[in-house]
Amino acid sequence: MTDRFPPISRAASWLLCCSMLAAPLAQAQALRPSSGLRAPVTQPSAGPRTADFIVALVNSEPVTNSEVRQRLMRVEQQLSQQSSALPAREQLARQVLEQIISERAQLQLAAELGIRVEEAALTQAEQSIAAQNQLTPEEFRRRIAAEGVDINQLRNDLRNQILLQRLREREVESKVRVSEADIDDFIRERQGRNDVTSLQLNLAQVFVAVPEDAPAERVQTLQVRAQGVADRARAGGDFAELAREFSDGAERANGGQFGLRPAERLPELFVEVTRSLSAGSIAGPVRSPAGFHVLKVIEKRQSGLPDAMVNETRARHILLRLGPQLSEADAVARLAGFRQQIASGQATFEALAREHSQDGSAQEGGSLGWAQAGQFVPEFEAAMNRLRPGEISPPVVSRFGVHLIRVEERRQSTLSARDQREMVRSLVRQQKATEALRTWVQDVRGRAYVEFRDAPQP
């Protein structure tokens, strides 16, 4: 079972940077996303250091070389997984140090403002990471312990990320306003553009890693493997299943999908080989410094007004919430029993949902209505998207509890002009929030007293 999942240290470090740590709503509809003393300056030593040492002070709080090294290794790992070119290590270490200084200043501001993270929110965030890796919390802890990751350090990192998010929501995002004129300006600016700056892609990949200094015979074997995957994909094979079976990428648990994102946030190589392709097309295998990539274009759009047609899913679920009286294992077992009752005709999904589901959809037989992509939390939506109409999932763990999901039907729906403007409003809000956040981060950093000591030794 262990070879089905990417290393938790990689998955966790990536997830720490994602918005999934946002505090969710607690109801059924929550499935939808909505001046201190200055320390004396010491002179740098002439020889190499063998012990940890202070590289900077942020308002008298130290930043150590080991902190920089740990963050540096995480960043290098992420860049390698994205097939991005790595800058010189000393240059990257300086950038990482500056990032830590900026975050430390923000965390100090959060403390001054009295922002806290409850243990319940911290535990929920940890459970979300486990669920996204298709693990129970107990399995998750065993896996990270086996990889030498300190659970206390991981939880501290999670706490800091949630603090940063709450601080930014309070100080920046809550103050962003979008007017009708802003929407009109956005549409006029973007309509008719056809360059890479307005291109958005949802790509999926099967990544076949090539070890450094691999002999030519090994490289050829791996290339043949990648070519075989590409041939099967072009012949109509299920790309998500191919990714889960063959990919070495961290996103393989999601069927290899990166999700819809601006082309500028994807590796240049990926954009070059897929830019002229239509949705559903296969590219590759193409070679990068990290290995071979087989790519599929899942979705492609130019920014401006969102597509007039959207895919929607109508589903039902039965939710069992976890607590002192119901463990995750017991909830999984109960839902597995419900699934068998439905399959054998002993009960209907709707009746079991009305009787047992622990959210507001129960009185509607678990109906969640029609929903577009992105309206449910990722772990729920990923499981739902794997189902064909009429199919019932195995028990699915999410940040809300454990679910049994049935997809009723899928359709394409035409967006009204009002809905399109609301989607543009979200895009403009995100754009404004990004710019406001950048300015605010620079301001917080500029107001901090920073004293540099010895240069970091990566």
Protein backbone atom coordinates (compact mmCIF):
# COMPACT_ATOMS: atom_id res chain seq x y z
CA MET A 1 0.00 0.00 0.00
CA THR A 2 2.81 2.41 0.79
CA ASP A 3 4.00 2.65 -2.83
CA ARG A 4 0.66 4.13 -3.89
CA PHE A 5 1.31 7.47 -2.23
CA PRO A 6 3.96 10.19 -2.54
CA PRO A 7 6.18 10.71 0.51
CA ILE A 8 4.24 12.55 3.17
CA SER A 9 7.08 15.01 3.70
CA ARG A 10 6.61 16.18 0.10
CA ALA A 11 2.83 16.19 0.21
CA ALA A 12 2.69 17.92 3.56
CA SER A 13 5.18 20.61 2.57
CA TRP A 14 3.20 21.32 -0.57
CA LEU A 15 -0.13 21.37 1.26
CA LEU A 16 1.23 23.81 3.81
CA CYS A 17 1.40 26.36 1.01
CA CYS A 18 -2.20 25.79 -0.17
CA SER A 19 -5.43 27.52 0.68
CA MET A 20 -6.99 24.26 1.91
CA LEU A 21 -6.02 25.34 5.43
CA ALA A 22 -8.80 27.93 5.38
CA ALA A 23 -11.15 27.48 8.33
CA PRO A 24 -14.24 25.80 6.83
CA LEU A 25 -17.85 26.46 7.67
CA ALA A 26 -19.39 23.95 10.04
CA GLN A 27 -22.76 23.26 8.42
CA ALA A 28 -23.73 20.93 5.58
CA GLN A 29 -23.24 23.73 3.09
CA ALA A 30 -19.67 24.03 4.36
CA LEU A 31 -18.77 21.30 1.94
CA ARG A 32 -18.85 24.20 -0.47
CA PRO A 33 -15.81 26.49 -0.59
CA SER A 34 -17.28 29.19 -0.21
CA SER A 35 10.55 47.46 20.05
CA GLY A 36 12.80 45.21 21.85
CA LEU A 37 16.44 45.37 22.97
CA ARG A 38 19.00 45.10 20.21
CA ALA A 39 21.40 42.21 20.57
CA PRO A 40 25.11 42.98 20.15
CA VAL A 41 26.51 42.42 16.68
CA THR A 42 29.04 39.61 16.41
CA GLN A 43 31.72 39.40 13.75
CA PRO A 44 31.56 36.47 11.33
CA SER A 45 34.05 33.75 12.07
CA ALA A 46 36.85 32.99 9.63
CA GLY A 47 36.28 29.22 9.35
CA PRO A 48 33.23 27.04 8.64
CA ARG A 49 30.62 26.55 11.36
CA THR A 50 29.93 23.10 12.77
CA ALA A 51 27.10 24.13 15.13
CA ASP A 52 23.91 26.08 14.58
CA PHE A 53 24.16 29.86 14.70
CA ILE A 54 22.06 33.00 14.33
CA VAL A 55 21.88 34.48 10.83
CA ALA A 56 19.45 37.34 11.53
CA LEU A 57 17.34 39.03 14.21
CA VAL A 58 13.77 40.14 13.53
CA ASN A 59 12.67 42.60 16.21
CA SER A 60 15.22 40.84 18.51
CA GLU A 61 13.85 37.35 17.67
CA PRO A 62 16.55 35.12 16.16
CA VAL A 63 16.49 33.26 12.86
CA THR A 64 18.95 30.35 12.88
CA ASN A 65 20.94 28.74 10.12
CA SER A 66 19.14 25.42 10.67
CA GLU A 67 15.79 27.12 9.97
CA VAL A 68 17.14 28.41 6.68
CA ARG A 69 18.55 24.99 5.75
CA GLN A 70 15.26 23.19 6.49
CA ARG A 71 13.23 25.69 4.46
CA LEU A 72 15.82 25.60 1.68
CA MET A 73 15.54 21.82 1.34
CA ARG A 74 11.75 22.09 1.18
CA VAL A 75 11.88 24.76 -1.54
CA GLU A 76 14.43 22.81 -3.57
CA GLN A 77 12.21 19.73 -3.37
CA GLN A 78 9.17 21.66 -4.56
CA LEU A 79 11.07 23.26 -7.45
CA SER A 80 12.44 19.87 -8.47
CA GLN A 81 8.95 18.33 -8.49
CA GLN A 82 7.75 21.20 -10.69
CA SER A 83 10.69 20.66 -13.07
CA SER A 84 11.75 24.27 -12.46
CA ALA A 85 15.33 25.42 -12.92
CA LEU A 86 17.16 25.84 -9.61
CA PRO A 87 19.16 29.04 -8.99
CA ALA A 88 22.56 28.90 -7.31
CA ARG A 89 22.14 27.47 -3.78
CA GLU A 90 23.68 30.53 -2.08
CA GLN A 91 21.29 32.82 -3.97
CA LEU A 92 18.31 30.61 -3.11
CA ALA A 93 19.41 30.54 0.56
CA ARG A 94 19.34 34.36 0.65
CA GLN A 95 15.85 34.38 -0.85
CA VAL A 96 14.69 31.79 1.66
CA LEU A 97 16.13 33.84 4.54
CA GLU A 98 14.24 36.90 3.32
CA GLN A 99 11.04 34.85 3.15
CA ILE A 100 11.52 33.64 6.74
CA ILE A 101 12.19 37.21 7.93
CA SER A 102 9.01 38.44 6.25
CA GLU A 103 6.93 35.62 7.77
CA ARG A 104 8.48 36.15 11.21
CA ALA A 105 7.48 39.82 11.13
CA GLN A 106 3.92 38.85 10.19
CA LEU A 107 3.71 36.22 12.95
CA GLN A 108 4.87 38.82 15.47
CA LEU A 109 2.15 41.17 14.25
CA ALA A 110 -0.44 38.37 14.60
CA ALA A 111 0.65 37.90 18.23
CA GLU A 112 0.35 41.64 18.89
CA LEU A 113 -3.19 41.62 17.47
CA GLY A 114 -4.17 38.66 19.65
CA ILE A 115 -4.77 36.22 16.78
CA ARG A 116 -4.67 32.62 17.99
CA VAL A 117 -5.08 29.13 16.55
CA GLU A 118 -7.25 26.72 18.52
CA GLU A 119 -6.14 23.12 18.95
CA ALA A 120 -9.32 22.01 17.18
CA ALA A 121 -8.40 24.01 14.07
CA LEU A 122 -4.88 22.62 14.18
CA THR A 123 -6.13 19.05 14.44
CA GLN A 124 -8.58 19.66 11.62
CA ALA A 125 -5.77 20.94 9.38
CA GLU A 126 -3.69 17.85 10.16
CA GLN A 127 -6.65 15.61 9.35
CA SER A 128 -7.14 17.43 6.05
CA ILE A 129 -3.57 16.67 5.01
CA ALA A 130 -4.08 13.03 5.94
CA ALA A 131 -7.34 12.88 3.97
CA GLN A 132 -5.75 14.43 0.89
CA ASN A 133 -3.15 11.67 1.02
CA GLN A 134 -5.92 9.07 1.44
CA LEU A 135 -4.72 8.16 4.94
CA THR A 136 -6.35 8.05 8.34
CA PRO A 137 -4.84 10.40 10.95
CA GLU A 138 -3.21 7.41 12.64
CA GLU A 139 -1.69 6.17 9.36
CA PHE A 140 -0.54 9.70 8.58
CA ARG A 141 1.35 10.00 11.86
CA ARG A 142 2.96 6.61 11.42
CA ARG A 143 4.08 7.50 7.90
CA ILE A 144 5.66 10.82 8.82
CA ALA A 145 7.36 9.24 11.84
CA ALA A 146 8.80 6.55 9.55
CA GLU A 147 10.20 9.31 7.33
CA GLY A 148 11.87 11.00 10.30
CA VAL A 149 9.50 14.00 10.39
CA ASP A 150 8.83 15.42 13.85
CA ILE A 151 5.05 15.64 14.34
CA ASN A 152 5.47 18.56 16.76
CA GLN A 153 7.45 20.50 14.16
CA LEU A 154 4.84 19.71 11.52
CA ARG A 155 2.04 20.93 13.79
CA ASN A 156 4.03 24.08 14.59
CA ASP A 157 4.43 24.73 10.85
CA LEU A 158 0.70 24.20 10.41
CA ARG A 159 -0.05 26.58 13.27
CA ASN A 160 2.12 29.28 11.70
CA GLN A 161 0.50 28.85 8.29
CA ILE A 162 -2.99 29.16 9.79
CA LEU A 163 -1.90 32.23 11.77
CA LEU A 164 -0.53 33.83 8.61
CA GLN A 165 -3.71 33.08 6.73
CA ARG A 166 -5.96 34.48 9.45
CA LEU A 167 -3.81 37.60 9.73
CA ARG A 168 -3.91 38.18 5.97
CA GLU A 169 -7.66 37.61 5.84
CA ARG A 170 -8.14 40.20 8.59
CA GLU A 171 -5.67 42.81 7.40
CA VAL A 172 -5.95 42.44 3.61
CA GLU A 173 -8.63 40.23 2.11
CA SER A 174 -11.52 41.55 4.21
CA LYS A 175 -10.76 45.07 2.94
CA VAL A 176 -10.78 44.30 -0.79
CA ARG A 177 -13.76 45.78 -2.67
CA VAL A 178 -14.79 45.18 -6.30
CA SER A 179 -17.06 47.67 -8.11
CA GLU A 180 -19.13 47.15 -11.24
CA ALA A 181 -16.71 49.48 -13.04
CA ASP A 182 -13.83 47.19 -12.05
CA ILE A 183 -15.65 44.26 -13.67
CA ASP A 184 -16.33 46.24 -16.86
CA ASP A 185 -12.66 47.30 -17.07
CA PHE A 186 -11.50 43.70 -16.59
CA ILE A 187 -13.75 42.40 -19.36
CA ARG A 188 -12.72 45.14 -21.80
CA GLU A 189 -9.05 44.50 -21.08
CA ARG A 190 -9.18 40.73 -21.41
CA GLN A 191 -11.66 40.04 -24.18
CA GLY A 192 -9.99 39.36 -27.48
CA ARG A 193 -6.56 38.68 -26.01
CA ASN A 194 -4.89 35.47 -27.11
CA ASP A 195 -1.45 35.53 -25.53
CA VAL A 196 0.12 33.33 -22.90
CA THR A 197 -0.43 35.93 -20.16
CA SER A 198 -4.19 35.39 -20.45
CA LEU A 199 -4.02 31.61 -21.02
CA GLN A 200 -5.20 29.24 -18.28
CA LEU A 201 -4.51 25.51 -18.41
CA ASN A 202 -5.53 22.49 -16.42
CA LEU A 203 -2.93 19.85 -17.21
CA ALA A 204 -2.48 16.32 -15.94
CA GLN A 205 0.81 14.50 -16.11
CA VAL A 206 2.41 11.12 -15.74
CA PHE A 207 5.94 11.89 -14.56
CA VAL A 208 8.63 9.25 -14.95
CA ALA A 209 11.59 10.39 -12.83
CA VAL A 210 15.14 9.89 -14.11
CA PRO A 211 17.74 9.68 -11.31
CA GLU A 212 20.77 11.95 -11.53
CA ASP A 213 23.73 10.35 -13.32
CA ALA A 214 21.55 7.47 -14.51
CA PRO A 215 23.36 5.35 -17.14
CA ALA A 216 22.15 5.54 -20.73
CA GLU A 217 20.52 2.10 -20.57
CA ARG A 218 18.46 3.13 -17.53
CA VAL A 219 17.40 6.39 -19.23
CA GLN A 220 16.32 4.45 -22.31
CA THR A 221 14.29 2.02 -20.19
CA LEU A 222 12.50 4.88 -18.47
CA GLN A 223 11.83 6.57 -21.80
CA VAL A 224 10.25 3.38 -23.13
CA ARG A 225 8.09 3.26 -20.01
CA ALA A 226 6.94 6.86 -20.57
CA GLN A 227 6.28 6.18 -24.26
CA GLY A 228 4.15 3.18 -23.32
CA VAL A 229 2.05 5.36 -21.01
CA ALA A 230 1.63 7.95 -23.81
CA ASP A 231 0.56 5.25 -26.28
CA ARG A 232 -2.05 3.89 -23.87
CA ALA A 233 -3.36 7.39 -23.17
CA ARG A 234 -3.68 8.17 -26.89
CA ALA A 235 -5.48 4.85 -27.37
CA GLY A 236 -8.19 5.98 -24.95
CA GLY A 237 -6.80 4.73 -21.65
CA ASP A 238 -8.00 6.34 -18.42
CA PHE A 239 -5.32 9.00 -17.84
CA ALA A 240 -6.12 9.34 -14.14
CA GLU A 241 -5.61 5.59 -13.64
CA LEU A 242 -2.37 5.71 -15.64
CA ALA A 243 -1.14 8.55 -13.41
CA ARG A 244 -1.99 6.68 -10.23
CA GLU A 245 -0.25 3.55 -11.52
CA PHE A 246 2.86 4.92 -13.21
CA SER A 247 3.53 8.53 -12.15
CA ASP A 248 6.33 9.52 -9.78
CA GLY A 249 4.78 12.98 -9.33
CA ALA A 250 3.29 14.21 -6.04
CA GLU A 251 -0.02 14.95 -7.81
CA ARG A 252 -0.63 11.34 -8.87
CA ALA A 253 -3.19 10.81 -6.09
CA ASN A 254 -5.32 13.43 -7.88
CA GLY A 255 -5.10 11.59 -11.19
CA GLY A 256 -2.05 13.64 -12.17
CA GLN A 257 -4.02 16.90 -12.36
CA PHE A 258 -2.45 20.25 -11.46
CA GLY A 259 -5.79 22.08 -11.52
CA LEU A 260 -6.71 25.14 -13.58
CA ARG A 261 -4.01 27.79 -13.24
CA PRO A 262 -2.46 30.62 -15.28
CA ALA A 263 0.02 29.35 -17.85
CA GLU A 264 2.66 31.61 -16.32
CA ARG A 265 2.54 29.44 -13.18
CA LEU A 266 3.33 26.26 -15.11
CA PRO A 267 6.77 25.13 -16.31
CA GLU A 268 7.58 26.79 -19.64
CA LEU A 269 8.18 23.38 -21.22
CA PHE A 270 4.63 22.26 -20.36
CA VAL A 271 3.11 25.41 -21.88
CA GLU A 272 5.17 25.15 -25.06
CA VAL A 273 4.11 21.57 -25.85
CA THR A 274 0.41 22.00 -24.98
CA ARG A 275 -0.36 25.58 -26.02
CA SER A 276 -1.58 24.60 -29.49
CA LEU A 277 -3.47 21.48 -28.33
CA SER A 278 -7.19 21.20 -27.65
CA ALA A 279 -8.76 19.79 -24.48
CA GLY A 280 -8.35 16.01 -24.33
CA SER A 281 -5.12 15.95 -26.35
CA ILE A 282 -1.96 14.15 -25.22
CA ALA A 283 1.60 15.54 -25.47
CA GLY A 284 4.87 13.76 -24.92
CA PRO A 285 6.74 12.12 -23.57
CA VAL A 286 8.90 15.24 -23.30
CA ARG A 287 12.20 15.38 -21.44
CA SER A 288 13.06 17.79 -18.63
CA PRO A 289 16.08 17.77 -16.29
CA ALA A 290 13.98 15.74 -13.83
CA GLY A 291 12.69 13.05 -16.19
CA PHE A 292 10.00 12.31 -18.78
CA HIS A 293 6.53 13.86 -18.81
CA VAL A 294 3.37 12.69 -20.53
CA LEU A 295 0.82 15.51 -20.47
CA LYS A 296 -2.92 15.69 -21.06
CA VAL A 297 -4.85 18.92 -21.60
CA ILE A 298 -7.86 18.66 -19.28
CA GLU A 299 -9.13 22.21 -19.73
CA LYS A 300 -7.98 25.28 -21.58
CA ARG A 301 -9.34 28.82 -21.54
CA GLN A 302 -8.39 32.42 -22.22
CA SER A 303 -9.02 34.93 -19.45
CA GLY A 304 -11.86 37.39 -19.91
CA LEU A 305 -15.44 36.34 -19.48
CA PRO A 306 -15.55 32.79 -18.13
CA ASP A 307 -16.78 30.06 -20.46
CA ALA A 308 -20.51 30.25 -21.07
CA MET A 309 -20.79 26.47 -20.54
CA VAL A 310 -19.88 24.81 -17.24
CA ASN A 311 -19.95 21.19 -16.07
CA GLU A 312 -22.22 20.48 -13.11
CA THR A 313 -22.74 17.41 -10.91
CA ARG A 314 -25.79 16.46 -8.86
CA ALA A 315 -24.87 14.23 -5.93
CA ARG A 316 -26.09 12.95 -2.58
CA HIS A 317 -24.11 12.06 0.52
CA ILE A 318 -24.44 10.59 3.98
CA LEU A 319 -22.18 12.32 6.51
CA LEU A 320 -21.13 10.88 9.86
CA ARG A 321 -19.27 13.37 12.03
CA LEU A 322 -16.40 12.13 14.19
CA GLY A 323 -16.27 12.70 17.93
CA PRO A 324 -15.82 11.01 21.32
CA GLN A 325 -18.72 8.67 20.55
CA LEU A 326 -17.69 7.83 16.98
CA SER A 327 -14.15 7.07 15.81
CA GLU A 328 -13.11 7.24 12.19
CA ALA A 329 -12.81 3.45 11.96
CA ASP A 330 -16.35 3.00 13.34
CA ALA A 331 -17.73 5.61 10.93
CA VAL A 332 -16.06 3.88 7.97
CA ALA A 333 -17.46 0.53 9.08
CA ARG A 334 -20.99 1.91 9.48
CA LEU A 335 -20.97 3.55 6.06
CA ALA A 336 -19.54 0.42 4.45
CA GLY A 337 -22.52 -1.43 5.96
CA PHE A 338 -24.93 1.16 4.53
CA ARG A 339 -23.31 0.69 1.11
CA GLN A 340 -23.90 -3.07 1.27
CA GLN A 341 -27.53 -2.54 2.29
CA ILE A 342 -28.11 -0.28 -0.71
CA ALA A 343 -26.36 -2.68 -3.10
CA SER A 344 -28.47 -5.61 -1.89
CA GLY A 345 -31.70 -3.66 -2.11
CA GLN A 346 -32.34 -3.75 1.64
CA ALA A 347 -32.46 0.04 1.88
CA THR A 348 -32.35 3.13 -0.31
CA PHE A 349 -29.68 5.81 -0.21
CA GLU A 350 -32.31 8.49 0.42
CA ALA A 351 -33.84 6.66 3.39
CA LEU A 352 -30.47 6.01 5.04
CA ALA A 353 -29.48 9.64 4.51
CA ARG A 354 -32.68 10.90 6.15
CA GLU A 355 -32.15 8.61 9.12
CA HIS A 356 -28.41 8.83 9.68
CA SER A 357 -26.76 11.78 7.86
CA GLN A 358 -25.58 14.43 10.30
CA ASP A 359 -26.00 17.63 8.30
CA GLY A 360 -28.68 19.85 6.81
CA SER A 361 -29.04 17.77 3.65
CA ALA A 362 -30.49 14.82 5.59
CA GLN A 363 -34.11 15.94 5.25
CA GLU A 364 -33.60 16.08 1.47
CA GLY A 365 -32.31 12.51 1.37
CA GLY A 366 -28.71 13.74 1.33
CA SER A 367 -29.21 15.82 -1.83
CA LEU A 368 -26.52 18.45 -2.42
CA GLY A 369 -28.16 19.86 -5.54
CA TRP A 370 -26.34 20.87 -8.67
CA ALA A 371 -22.74 22.00 -8.07
CA GLN A 372 -19.96 23.32 -10.26
CA ALA A 373 -16.27 22.44 -9.95
CA GLY A 374 -14.64 23.96 -6.88
CA GLN A 375 -17.78 24.19 -4.76
CA PHE A 376 -16.81 21.25 -2.51
CA VAL A 377 -13.69 20.72 -0.43
CA PRO A 378 -10.93 19.00 -2.46
CA GLU A 379 -11.00 15.59 -0.76
CA PHE A 380 -14.79 15.32 -1.26
CA GLU A 381 -14.74 16.61 -4.83
CA ALA A 382 -11.89 14.32 -5.89
CA ALA A 383 -13.84 11.26 -4.73
CA MET A 384 -17.05 12.50 -6.35
CA ASN A 385 -15.33 13.16 -9.68
CA ARG A 386 -14.17 9.53 -9.88
CA LEU A 387 -17.76 8.26 -9.83
CA ARG A 388 -20.00 7.59 -12.80
CA PRO A 389 -23.70 8.47 -12.50
CA GLY A 390 -25.41 5.90 -10.28
CA GLU A 391 -22.18 4.78 -8.57
CA ILE A 392 -21.66 4.93 -4.80
CA SER A 393 -18.24 5.64 -3.37
CA PRO A 394 -16.50 3.71 -0.61
CA PRO A 395 -16.40 5.72 2.66
CA VAL A 396 -14.56 9.00 2.05
CA VAL A 397 -12.76 10.88 4.83
CA SER A 398 -12.87 14.69 4.70
CA ARG A 399 -12.25 17.49 7.18
CA PHE A 400 -15.94 17.26 8.14
CA GLY A 401 -16.14 13.54 8.89
CA VAL A 402 -16.75 10.45 6.77
CA HIS A 403 -19.07 10.42 3.74
CA LEU A 404 -20.83 8.00 1.47
CA ILE A 405 -21.32 9.70 -1.92
CA ARG A 406 -23.59 8.87 -4.84
CA VAL A 407 -23.51 10.79 -8.12
CA GLU A 408 -27.00 11.19 -9.57
CA GLU A 409 -26.19 12.81 -12.91
CA ARG A 410 -23.95 15.26 -14.72
CA ARG A 411 -24.74 17.99 -17.22
CA GLN A 412 -23.39 21.00 -19.04
CA SER A 413 -25.11 24.22 -18.08
CA THR A 414 -25.12 27.65 -19.71
CA LEU A 415 -24.10 30.46 -17.41
CA SER A 416 -26.35 33.48 -17.32
CA ALA A 417 -24.82 36.90 -17.93
CA ARG A 418 -25.23 37.59 -14.22
CA ASP A 419 -23.39 34.38 -13.26
CA GLN A 420 -20.58 35.23 -15.67
CA ARG A 421 -20.18 38.65 -14.08
CA GLU A 422 -20.09 37.08 -10.64
CA MET A 423 -17.29 34.78 -11.79
CA VAL A 424 -15.44 37.80 -13.17
CA ARG A 425 -16.01 39.53 -9.83
CA SER A 426 -14.21 36.65 -8.12
CA LEU A 427 -11.33 36.89 -10.59
CA VAL A 428 -11.00 40.65 -10.06
CA ARG A 429 -11.21 40.23 -6.29
CA GLN A 430 -8.44 37.62 -6.40
CA GLN A 431 -6.32 39.92 -8.57
CA LYS A 432 -6.83 42.87 -6.24
CA ALA A 433 -6.20 40.77 -3.15
CA THR A 434 -2.95 39.47 -4.61
CA GLU A 435 -1.67 42.98 -5.29
CA ALA A 436 -2.88 44.28 -1.92
CA LEU A 437 -1.19 41.36 -0.16
CA ARG A 438 2.10 42.03 -1.93
CA THR A 439 2.02 45.69 -0.84
CA TRP A 440 1.00 44.80 2.72
CA VAL A 441 3.75 42.17 3.09
CA GLN A 442 6.34 44.72 1.95
CA ASP A 443 5.00 47.24 4.45
CA VAL A 444 5.11 44.79 7.39
CA ARG A 445 8.64 43.77 6.41
CA GLY A 446 9.72 47.41 6.07
CA ARG A 447 8.47 48.27 9.58
CA ALA A 448 10.38 45.41 11.20
CA TYR A 449 13.82 45.94 12.74
CA VAL A 450 16.08 43.39 11.04
CA GLU A 451 19.70 42.84 11.96
CA PHE A 452 21.72 40.49 9.75
CA ARG A 453 24.44 38.40 11.39
CA ASP A 454 26.49 35.75 9.61
CA ALA A 455 25.44 34.74 6.12
CA PRO A 456 23.51 31.45 6.01
CA GLN A 457 25.54 28.35 5.15
CA PRO A 458 23.33 26.10 3.02
